[in-house]
């Protein structure tokens, strides 16, 4: 009976540590080499981790397929952030650059969802 409560908590803790560890790894690598940090950060590590957790916890292949397709379509508008942010940094303060880039990315997400809906695809 106790295992029923301990296993989910242990899995949650493992998920938390692995996921946080990836963020720490990327930030530490980036301190040594911006290019290597960018390479590691550009890998779909978050998606791979999420897909792995979904599989381990649900074994639901359809959910994994839907997740993968959704990530593909959401990655496209997220690229606006990585183009706009360095441009804004040349013109204004870090926090303003971050806010503007996040807002522009959010708008791009809305546009992407609207465009896909026009073609009958619902994310």
C-alpha atoms as a PDB file:
ATOM      1  CA  UNK A   1       0.000   0.000   0.000  1.00  0.00           C
ATOM      2  CA  UNK A   2       2.805   2.411   0.866  1.00  0.00           C
ATOM      3  CA  UNK A   3       4.501   1.699  -2.490  1.00  0.00           C
ATOM      4  CA  UNK A   4       1.411   3.073  -4.224  1.00  0.00           C
ATOM      5  CA  UNK A   5       2.247   6.492  -2.753  1.00  0.00           C
ATOM      6  CA  UNK A   6       6.042   6.303  -2.797  1.00  0.00           C
ATOM      7  CA  UNK A   7       6.495   5.316  -6.478  1.00  0.00           C
ATOM      8  CA  UNK A   8       4.592   8.310  -7.940  1.00  0.00           C
ATOM      9  CA  UNK A   9       6.439  10.664  -5.584  1.00  0.00           C
ATOM     10  CA  UNK A  10       9.797   9.111  -6.511  1.00  0.00           C
ATOM     11  CA  UNK A  11       8.978   9.423 -10.230  1.00  0.00           C
ATOM     12  CA  UNK A  12       7.991  13.046  -9.720  1.00  0.00           C
ATOM     13  CA  UNK A  13      11.275  13.728  -7.936  1.00  0.00           C
ATOM     14  CA  UNK A  14      13.282  11.966 -10.675  1.00  0.00           C
ATOM     15  CA  UNK A  15      11.455  13.975 -13.357  1.00  0.00           C
ATOM     16  CA  UNK A  16      12.124  17.188 -11.477  1.00  0.00           C
ATOM     17  CA  UNK A  17      15.830  16.470 -10.978  1.00  0.00           C
ATOM     18  CA  UNK A  18      16.478  15.329 -14.562  1.00  0.00           C
ATOM     19  CA  UNK A  19      14.577  18.265 -16.052  1.00  0.00           C
ATOM     20  CA  UNK A  20      16.222  20.841 -13.786  1.00  0.00           C
ATOM     21  CA  UNK A  21      19.574  19.178 -14.382  1.00  0.00           C
ATOM     22  CA  UNK A  22      19.248  19.789 -18.117  1.00  0.00           C
ATOM     23  CA  UNK A  23      18.693  23.511 -17.544  1.00  0.00           C
ATOM     24  CA  UNK A  24      21.696  23.680 -15.221  1.00  0.00           C
ATOM     25  CA  UNK A  25      23.807  21.745 -17.736  1.00  0.00           C
ATOM     26  CA  UNK A  26      22.919  24.138 -20.562  1.00  0.00           C
ATOM     27  CA  UNK A  27      23.606  27.235 -18.463  1.00  0.00           C
ATOM     28  CA  UNK A  28      26.937  25.853 -17.216  1.00  0.00           C
ATOM     29  CA  UNK A  29      28.064  24.814 -20.703  1.00  0.00           C
ATOM     30  CA  UNK A  30      27.051  28.261 -21.985  1.00  0.00           C
ATOM     31  CA  UNK A  31      29.349  29.923 -19.425  1.00  0.00           C
ATOM     32  CA  UNK A  32      32.305  28.090 -20.969  1.00  0.00           C
ATOM     33  CA  UNK A  33      31.263  28.331 -24.616  1.00  0.00           C
ATOM     34  CA  UNK A  34      28.310  30.294 -25.956  1.00  0.00           C
ATOM     35  CA  UNK A  35      28.309  28.258 -29.168  1.00  0.00           C
ATOM     36  CA  UNK A  36      28.407  24.884 -27.414  1.00  0.00           C
ATOM     37  CA  UNK A  37      25.713  26.075 -24.999  1.00  0.00           C
ATOM     38  CA  UNK A  38      23.584  27.141 -27.965  1.00  0.00           C
ATOM     39  CA  UNK A  39      24.097  23.748 -29.583  1.00  0.00           C
ATOM     40  CA  UNK A  40      23.054  21.883 -26.434  1.00  0.00           C
ATOM     41  CA  UNK A  41      20.169  24.313 -25.901  1.00  0.00           C
ATOM     42  CA  UNK A  42      18.942  23.833 -29.449  1.00  0.00           C
ATOM     43  CA  UNK A  43      18.644  20.092 -29.046  1.00  0.00           C
ATOM     44  CA  UNK A  44      15.085  18.976 -28.418  1.00  0.00           C
ATOM     45  CA  UNK A  45      16.055  17.805 -24.931  1.00  0.00           C
ATOM     46  CA  UNK A  46      12.921  19.098 -23.244  1.00  0.00           C
ATOM     47  CA  UNK A  47      10.757  17.333 -25.811  1.00  0.00           C
ATOM     48  CA  UNK A  48      12.779  14.128 -25.530  1.00  0.00           C
ATOM     49  CA  UNK A  49      12.466  14.178 -21.768  1.00  0.00           C
ATOM     50  CA  UNK A  50       8.734  14.938 -21.930  1.00  0.00           C
ATOM     51  CA  UNK A  51       8.141  12.198 -24.516  1.00  0.00           C
ATOM     52  CA  UNK A  52      10.055   9.739 -22.369  1.00  0.00           C
ATOM     53  CA  UNK A  53       8.008  10.619 -19.273  1.00  0.00           C
ATOM     54  CA  UNK A  54       4.756  10.383 -21.253  1.00  0.00           C
ATOM     55  CA  UNK A  55       5.761   6.931 -22.521  1.00  0.00           C
ATOM     56  CA  UNK A  56       6.901   5.666 -19.109  1.00  0.00           C
ATOM     57  CA  UNK A  57       3.783   6.939 -17.357  1.00  0.00           C
ATOM     58  CA  UNK A  58       1.074   6.256 -19.966  1.00  0.00           C
ATOM     59  CA  UNK A  59       2.450   4.047 -22.780  1.00  0.00           C
ATOM     60  CA  UNK A  60       0.124   6.168 -24.937  1.00  0.00           C
ATOM     61  CA  UNK A  61       1.661   6.288 -28.422  1.00  0.00           C
ATOM     62  CA  UNK A  62      -1.150   8.491 -29.806  1.00  0.00           C
ATOM     63  CA  UNK A  63      -0.461  11.091 -27.107  1.00  0.00           C
ATOM     64  CA  UNK A  64       3.252  11.011 -27.988  1.00  0.00           C
ATOM     65  CA  UNK A  65       2.452  11.442 -31.681  1.00  0.00           C
ATOM     66  CA  UNK A  66       0.155  14.393 -30.928  1.00  0.00           C
ATOM     67  CA  UNK A  67       2.806  15.911 -28.683  1.00  0.00           C
ATOM     68  CA  UNK A  68       5.486  15.574 -31.393  1.00  0.00           C
ATOM     69  CA  UNK A  69       3.305  17.143 -34.070  1.00  0.00           C
ATOM     70  CA  UNK A  70       2.344  19.978 -31.722  1.00  0.00           C
ATOM     71  CA  UNK A  71       5.976  20.654 -30.857  1.00  0.00           C
ATOM     72  CA  UNK A  72       6.849  20.818 -34.566  1.00  0.00           C
ATOM     73  CA  UNK A  73       4.194  23.441 -35.275  1.00  0.00           C
ATOM     74  CA  UNK A  74       4.997  25.457 -32.140  1.00  0.00           C
ATOM     75  CA  UNK A  75       8.745  25.480 -32.828  1.00  0.00           C
ATOM     76  CA  UNK A  76       8.236  27.452 -36.030  1.00  0.00           C
ATOM     77  CA  UNK A  77       6.778  30.604 -34.397  1.00  0.00           C
ATOM     78  CA  UNK A  78       9.208  30.279 -31.463  1.00  0.00           C
ATOM     79  CA  UNK A  79      12.070  30.972 -33.874  1.00  0.00           C
ATOM     80  CA  UNK A  80      10.909  34.603 -33.960  1.00  0.00           C
ATOM     81  CA  UNK A  81      12.191  34.964 -30.401  1.00  0.00           C
ATOM     82  CA  UNK A  82      15.711  33.891 -31.383  1.00  0.00           C
ATOM     83  CA  UNK A  83      15.824  36.310 -34.307  1.00  0.00           C
ATOM     84  CA  UNK A  84      14.205  39.282 -32.571  1.00  0.00           C
ATOM     85  CA  UNK A  85      15.911  39.027 -29.158  1.00  0.00           C
ATOM     86  CA  UNK A  86      19.519  39.653 -30.280  1.00  0.00           C
ATOM     87  CA  UNK A  87      18.305  42.453 -32.567  1.00  0.00           C
ATOM     88  CA  UNK A  88      16.492  44.120 -29.648  1.00  0.00           C
ATOM     89  CA  UNK A  89      19.534  43.718 -27.391  1.00  0.00           C
ATOM     90  CA  UNK A  90      21.455  45.989 -29.756  1.00  0.00           C
ATOM     91  CA  UNK A  91      18.800  48.680 -29.344  1.00  0.00           C
ATOM     92  CA  UNK A  92      17.546  48.463 -25.744  1.00  0.00           C
ATOM     93  CA  UNK A  93      17.912  47.081 -22.229  1.00  0.00           C
ATOM     94  CA  UNK A  94      17.923  43.307 -21.616  1.00  0.00           C
ATOM     95  CA  UNK A  95      14.514  43.186 -19.877  1.00  0.00           C
ATOM     96  CA  UNK A  96      12.794  45.265 -22.572  1.00  0.00           C
ATOM     97  CA  UNK A  97      14.365  43.063 -25.227  1.00  0.00           C
ATOM     98  CA  UNK A  98      13.141  39.965 -23.406  1.00  0.00           C
ATOM     99  CA  UNK A  99       9.602  41.340 -22.968  1.00  0.00           C
ATOM    100  CA  UNK A 100       9.255  42.446 -26.584  1.00  0.00           C
ATOM    101  CA  UNK A 101      10.644  39.165 -27.896  1.00  0.00           C
ATOM    102  CA  UNK A 102       8.325  37.097 -25.692  1.00  0.00           C
ATOM    103  CA  UNK A 103       5.329  39.195 -26.718  1.00  0.00           C
ATOM    104  CA  UNK A 104       6.203  38.882 -30.424  1.00  0.00           C
ATOM    105  CA  UNK A 105       6.596  35.120 -29.993  1.00  0.00           C
ATOM    106  CA  UNK A 106       3.214  34.919 -28.265  1.00  0.00           C
ATOM    107  CA  UNK A 107       1.635  36.782 -31.188  1.00  0.00           C
ATOM    108  CA  UNK A 108       3.371  34.414 -33.606  1.00  0.00           C
ATOM    109  CA  UNK A 109       1.890  31.451 -31.702  1.00  0.00           C
ATOM    110  CA  UNK A 110      -1.579  32.970 -32.050  1.00  0.00           C
ATOM    111  CA  UNK A 111      -1.063  33.523 -35.773  1.00  0.00           C
ATOM    112  CA  UNK A 112       0.208  29.950 -36.223  1.00  0.00           C
ATOM    113  CA  UNK A 113      -2.807  28.487 -34.414  1.00  0.00           C
ATOM    114  CA  UNK A 114      -5.135  30.682 -36.488  1.00  0.00           C
ATOM    115  CA  UNK A 115      -3.466  29.662 -39.778  1.00  0.00           C
ATOM    116  CA  UNK A 116      -3.531  25.971 -38.904  1.00  0.00           C
ATOM    117  CA  UNK A 117      -7.195  26.214 -37.872  1.00  0.00           C
ATOM    118  CA  UNK A 118      -7.977  27.654 -41.314  1.00  0.00           C
ATOM    119  CA  UNK A 119      -6.581  24.413 -42.758  1.00  0.00           C
ATOM    120  CA  UNK A 120      -8.578  22.249 -40.363  1.00  0.00           C
ATOM    121  CA  UNK A 121      -5.734  21.457 -37.951  1.00  0.00           C
ATOM    122  CA  UNK A 122      -6.380  21.983 -34.256  1.00  0.00           C
ATOM    123  CA  UNK A 123      -3.489  22.245 -31.808  1.00  0.00           C
END
